[in-house]
Amino acid sequence: MVRSAVAVLIALILILIFVWAGQRRLIYFPDRATPPVPAGAREITLRAADGLRLGAWLFTPPSGTPDEGVSVLVLPGNAGNRAGRAPLATALTRLGLTVLAVDYRGYGGNDGSPSEHGLAQDADAARAYLAQSGRPIVYYGESLGAAVATALAIRHPPAGLLLRSPFTDLAAAGRTHYPFLPVGPLLRDRFPVRSLISRVAAPTAVVYGTADQVVPPQQSRAVADAAGNLAQVVVVDGADHNDPILLDGAPLIAAVKELAGPA
């Protein structure tokens, strides 16, 4: 029996070591291909503080659309690449907004591997690029990007902050999908949205769907309740995490427009 117990203990230790070493593969799901530049976008290159070069797209208002003098920084979730955010960027330019759609390290043809610290550097580089124009900037964070945007808003306060389907923290989100693992103690990346959002002074909007199967809607509501300057909560009835209405639908676009306000 002692021998069996030792074997089980060793097996558990090996499993925990495997999970610790490979956990970021369970968090980040990048499309590493370099996407083709869509109509209306201009390819630019950002440089992070550690020297990493990052591809991004800058979208400007189309001809005939008045420029509102406001920029939107789109910080994506944990999957895909910037090609999936092009419809959102295009919709926002029709409001007269300038949009920077970025890809993190390891995504969309960029070198490197994603991590909480690395994504923070990537967001800083994107914000610095937009800040050169002197325009007010609205941060738009989607899912995991909501955590990146919240932390960025503390380091560099924006004109407004929109969080789409935010989780309270990565451990809480992880327990939803990996209930059989001791997620909290093992995590290397934390992304503590709820504990940070009260420190954000900028007007904050939270948008989420009631049928979200990736981030429980209760977590998004908890983030809204903890916000230091909550301007708006948009609850989209029956919407799941990746439904089109939460990607570039009317409620989402209207919420960004409200935050951007008059130039």
Protein backbone atom coordinates (compact mmCIF):
# COMPACT_ATOMS: atom_id res chain seq x y z
CA MET A 1 0.00 0.00 0.00
CA VAL A 2 2.86 2.34 0.80
CA ARG A 3 4.40 1.63 -2.59
CA SER A 4 1.07 2.38 -4.29
CA ALA A 5 0.64 5.62 -2.37
CA VAL A 6 4.14 6.74 -3.37
CA ALA A 7 3.40 5.93 -7.01
CA VAL A 8 0.20 7.98 -6.90
CA LEU A 9 2.04 10.88 -5.26
CA ILE A 10 4.75 10.81 -7.91
CA ALA A 11 2.13 10.73 -10.66
CA LEU A 12 0.38 13.77 -9.15
CA ILE A 13 3.64 15.66 -8.86
CA LEU A 14 4.47 14.91 -12.49
CA ILE A 15 1.02 16.11 -13.59
CA LEU A 16 1.45 19.36 -11.66
CA ILE A 17 4.90 19.90 -13.16
CA PHE A 18 3.46 19.33 -16.64
CA VAL A 19 0.61 21.77 -15.99
CA TRP A 20 3.00 24.38 -14.58
CA ALA A 21 5.33 24.13 -17.55
CA GLY A 22 2.66 24.01 -20.24
CA GLN A 23 -0.09 26.14 -18.75
CA ARG A 24 0.27 29.01 -21.20
CA ARG A 25 -0.78 26.64 -23.96
CA LEU A 26 -4.09 26.39 -22.10
CA ILE A 27 -4.42 30.18 -21.89
CA TYR A 28 -3.22 31.61 -25.19
CA PHE A 29 -4.45 30.33 -28.56
CA PRO A 30 -2.70 32.47 -31.16
CA ASP A 31 -3.15 32.32 -34.89
CA ARG A 32 0.51 32.83 -35.73
CA ALA A 33 0.01 33.47 -39.45
CA THR A 34 0.64 36.97 -40.77
CA PRO A 35 -2.76 38.19 -42.00
CA PRO A 36 -3.13 40.14 -45.24
CA VAL A 37 -3.76 43.85 -44.81
CA PRO A 38 -7.47 44.58 -45.34
CA ALA A 39 -8.95 47.48 -47.24
CA GLY A 40 -8.93 50.67 -45.21
CA ALA A 41 -5.95 49.67 -43.07
CA ARG A 42 -2.29 50.61 -43.08
CA GLU A 43 0.37 48.21 -41.81
CA ILE A 44 2.53 49.68 -39.08
CA THR A 45 5.25 48.30 -36.82
CA LEU A 46 5.37 48.84 -33.07
CA ARG A 47 8.41 48.30 -30.88
CA ALA A 48 7.98 46.98 -27.35
CA ALA A 49 10.25 47.97 -24.48
CA ASP A 50 12.18 44.71 -24.79
CA GLY A 51 12.91 45.46 -28.46
CA LEU A 52 10.33 43.08 -29.95
CA ARG A 53 8.77 44.32 -33.19
CA LEU A 54 4.99 43.93 -33.48
CA GLY A 55 2.75 44.14 -36.52
CA ALA A 56 -0.43 46.21 -36.22
CA TRP A 57 -3.02 47.90 -38.45
CA LEU A 58 -4.07 51.53 -38.35
CA PHE A 59 -7.56 52.30 -39.62
CA THR A 60 -8.63 55.88 -40.33
CA PRO A 61 -12.06 57.32 -41.15
CA PRO A 62 -13.06 56.74 -44.79
CA SER A 63 -13.27 59.55 -47.27
CA GLY A 64 -16.28 61.73 -46.62
CA THR A 65 -16.54 60.79 -42.92
CA PRO A 66 -15.69 63.63 -40.52
CA ASP A 67 -12.72 62.84 -38.31
CA GLU A 68 -13.82 63.04 -34.66
CA GLY A 69 -10.27 63.41 -33.39
CA VAL A 70 -10.42 60.37 -31.10
CA SER A 71 -8.40 57.15 -31.31
CA VAL A 72 -9.44 53.67 -30.18
CA LEU A 73 -6.86 51.09 -29.12
CA VAL A 74 -8.24 47.58 -29.67
CA LEU A 75 -6.67 45.01 -27.34
CA PRO A 76 -7.86 41.55 -28.43
CA GLY A 77 -8.66 38.38 -26.56
CA ASN A 78 -6.57 35.24 -26.29
CA ALA A 79 -7.33 33.67 -29.68
CA GLY A 80 -6.92 34.39 -33.39
CA ASN A 81 -5.14 37.45 -34.72
CA ARG A 82 -5.95 41.00 -35.76
CA ALA A 83 -7.80 39.87 -38.88
CA GLY A 84 -10.73 38.94 -36.66
CA ARG A 85 -10.92 42.51 -35.32
CA ALA A 86 -10.97 44.20 -38.74
CA PRO A 87 -14.82 44.33 -38.92
CA LEU A 88 -14.90 46.09 -35.54
CA ALA A 89 -12.24 48.57 -36.63
CA THR A 90 -14.06 49.28 -39.89
CA ALA A 91 -17.34 49.90 -38.06
CA LEU A 92 -15.65 52.32 -35.68
CA THR A 93 -14.00 54.30 -38.49
CA ARG A 94 -17.49 54.94 -39.89
CA LEU A 95 -18.08 56.93 -36.70
CA GLY A 96 -15.05 59.07 -37.52
CA LEU A 97 -12.72 57.29 -35.12
CA THR A 98 -9.12 56.23 -35.76
CA VAL A 99 -8.48 52.63 -34.71
CA LEU A 100 -5.28 50.74 -33.93
CA ALA A 101 -5.77 46.95 -34.10
CA VAL A 102 -2.78 45.21 -32.55
CA ASP A 103 -1.49 41.68 -32.23
CA TYR A 104 0.39 40.57 -29.15
CA ARG A 105 3.74 38.79 -29.26
CA GLY A 106 3.32 35.32 -30.74
CA TYR A 107 0.20 36.36 -32.67
CA GLY A 108 -0.32 37.42 -36.27
CA GLY A 109 3.24 36.87 -37.48
CA ASN A 110 4.88 38.47 -34.43
CA ASP A 111 7.87 36.84 -32.77
CA GLY A 112 7.89 35.95 -29.10
CA SER A 113 5.58 34.09 -26.76
CA PRO A 114 2.63 35.60 -24.88
CA SER A 115 2.65 36.19 -21.14
CA GLU A 116 1.05 38.72 -18.80
CA HIS A 117 4.23 40.78 -18.62
CA GLY A 118 4.81 40.55 -22.36
CA LEU A 119 1.26 41.62 -23.23
CA ALA A 120 1.63 44.62 -20.93
CA GLN A 121 4.72 45.70 -22.88
CA ASP A 122 2.85 45.23 -26.16
CA ALA A 123 -0.06 47.37 -24.94
CA ASP A 124 2.35 50.08 -23.78
CA ALA A 125 3.94 50.16 -27.23
CA ALA A 126 0.56 50.47 -28.94
CA ARG A 127 -0.58 53.26 -26.64
CA ALA A 128 2.71 55.13 -27.13
CA TYR A 129 2.22 55.02 -30.89
CA LEU A 130 -1.28 56.53 -30.65
CA ALA A 131 -0.23 59.07 -28.03
CA GLN A 132 2.12 60.72 -30.53
CA SER A 133 -0.89 62.31 -32.24
CA GLY A 134 -2.07 64.03 -29.06
CA ARG A 135 -5.60 62.72 -29.55
CA PRO A 136 -7.64 61.32 -26.67
CA ILE A 137 -7.55 57.51 -26.63
CA VAL A 138 -10.28 55.06 -25.72
CA TYR A 139 -9.08 51.59 -24.71
CA TYR A 140 -11.17 48.70 -25.95
CA GLY A 141 -10.37 45.38 -24.27
CA GLU A 142 -11.98 42.12 -25.36
CA SER A 143 -12.08 39.19 -22.90
CA LEU A 144 -8.41 38.63 -21.96
CA GLY A 145 -7.76 42.00 -23.59
CA ALA A 146 -10.05 43.55 -20.99
CA ALA A 147 -7.47 42.56 -18.38
CA VAL A 148 -4.66 44.02 -20.50
CA ALA A 149 -6.65 47.24 -21.02
CA THR A 150 -7.48 47.61 -17.32
CA ALA A 151 -3.86 47.37 -16.26
CA LEU A 152 -2.87 49.78 -19.06
CA ALA A 153 -5.51 52.25 -17.86
CA ILE A 154 -3.79 52.40 -14.47
CA ARG A 155 -0.34 52.96 -15.97
CA HIS A 156 -1.58 55.40 -18.62
CA PRO A 157 -5.09 56.79 -17.98
CA PRO A 158 -7.24 56.90 -21.15
CA ALA A 159 -10.18 59.08 -22.14
CA GLY A 160 -12.42 56.06 -21.71
CA LEU A 161 -12.26 52.32 -21.09
CA LEU A 162 -14.54 49.69 -22.62
CA LEU A 163 -14.35 46.13 -21.32
CA ARG A 164 -16.08 43.51 -23.43
CA SER A 165 -16.82 40.23 -21.60
CA PRO A 166 -14.25 40.74 -18.83
CA PHE A 167 -13.47 38.06 -16.27
CA THR A 168 -12.78 38.91 -12.62
CA ASP A 169 -9.32 37.34 -12.76
CA LEU A 170 -7.67 34.58 -14.73
CA ALA A 171 -7.91 32.04 -11.92
CA ALA A 172 -11.69 32.46 -11.73
CA ALA A 173 -11.99 32.12 -15.50
CA GLY A 174 -9.69 29.10 -15.47
CA ARG A 175 -11.69 27.27 -12.82
CA THR A 176 -14.70 27.48 -15.13
CA HIS A 177 -12.91 25.46 -17.81
CA TYR A 178 -10.46 23.38 -15.77
CA PRO A 179 -12.33 22.58 -12.54
CA PHE A 180 -10.19 19.48 -11.97
CA LEU A 181 -6.96 21.49 -11.66
CA PRO A 182 -5.71 23.62 -8.73
CA VAL A 183 -5.76 26.62 -11.04
CA GLY A 184 -5.13 29.40 -8.53
CA PRO A 185 -1.88 28.18 -6.96
CA LEU A 186 -0.44 27.10 -10.31
CA LEU A 187 -1.00 30.23 -12.37
CA ARG A 188 1.99 32.17 -13.60
CA ASP A 189 -0.19 34.89 -15.20
CA ARG A 190 -2.87 36.43 -12.94
CA PHE A 191 -4.69 39.26 -14.80
CA PRO A 192 -6.57 40.57 -11.72
CA VAL A 193 -9.27 42.71 -13.35
CA ARG A 194 -11.71 43.13 -10.47
CA SER A 195 -9.02 44.10 -7.97
CA LEU A 196 -7.65 46.75 -10.36
CA ILE A 197 -10.76 48.26 -11.91
CA SER A 198 -11.61 50.38 -8.85
CA ARG A 199 -8.35 52.27 -9.42
CA VAL A 200 -9.31 53.31 -12.96
CA ALA A 201 -10.51 56.92 -12.99
CA ALA A 202 -11.58 56.98 -16.63
CA PRO A 203 -15.25 56.52 -17.56
CA THR A 204 -15.72 52.76 -17.91
CA ALA A 205 -18.27 50.77 -19.91
CA VAL A 206 -18.80 47.03 -19.54
CA VAL A 207 -20.48 44.99 -22.30
CA TYR A 208 -21.33 41.31 -21.98
CA GLY A 209 -23.77 38.64 -23.11
CA THR A 210 -26.10 36.70 -20.85
CA ALA A 211 -25.33 33.38 -22.57
CA ASP A 212 -21.54 33.65 -22.48
CA GLN A 213 -20.06 30.16 -22.16
CA VAL A 214 -16.43 31.32 -22.06
CA VAL A 215 -16.59 34.04 -19.40
CA PRO A 216 -19.55 33.59 -17.04
CA PRO A 217 -21.75 36.71 -17.20
CA GLN A 218 -21.66 36.90 -13.40
CA GLN A 219 -17.95 37.65 -13.62
CA SER A 220 -18.47 40.50 -16.08
CA ARG A 221 -21.19 41.93 -13.84
CA ALA A 222 -18.86 41.71 -10.85
CA VAL A 223 -16.24 43.71 -12.75
CA ALA A 224 -18.84 46.37 -13.55
CA ASP A 225 -19.91 46.53 -9.91
CA ALA A 226 -16.30 47.07 -8.83
CA ALA A 227 -15.53 49.81 -11.38
CA GLY A 228 -14.32 53.09 -9.93
CA ASN A 229 -16.08 55.20 -12.56
CA LEU A 230 -18.78 53.10 -14.19
CA ALA A 231 -20.39 55.00 -17.06
CA GLN A 232 -22.46 52.27 -18.68
CA VAL A 233 -23.33 48.58 -18.55
CA VAL A 234 -24.63 46.97 -21.74
CA VAL A 235 -26.15 43.52 -21.25
CA VAL A 236 -26.84 41.72 -24.52
CA ASP A 237 -29.57 39.17 -23.89
CA GLY A 238 -28.86 35.67 -25.23
CA ALA A 239 -25.42 36.54 -26.63
CA ASP A 240 -22.53 34.08 -26.35
CA HIS A 241 -18.87 35.08 -26.15
CA ASN A 242 -18.09 35.02 -29.88
CA ASP A 243 -21.48 35.87 -31.33
CA PRO A 244 -21.29 38.54 -34.05
CA ILE A 245 -23.30 41.00 -31.96
CA LEU A 246 -20.44 41.03 -29.45
CA LEU A 247 -17.77 41.31 -32.12
CA ASP A 248 -18.99 44.31 -34.09
CA GLY A 249 -22.72 44.55 -33.37
CA ALA A 250 -24.77 47.68 -32.82
CA PRO A 251 -24.81 47.61 -28.97
CA LEU A 252 -21.02 47.37 -28.89
CA ILE A 253 -20.46 50.14 -31.43
CA ALA A 254 -22.92 52.38 -29.62
CA ALA A 255 -21.08 51.86 -26.33
CA VAL A 256 -17.76 52.87 -27.89
CA LYS A 257 -19.42 55.90 -29.46
CA GLU A 258 -20.80 56.95 -26.08
CA LEU A 259 -17.36 56.74 -24.49
CA ALA A 260 -15.64 58.56 -27.36
CA GLY A 261 -18.14 61.42 -27.07
CA PRO A 262 -17.65 64.72 -28.86
CA ALA A 263 -14.18 65.55 -30.05
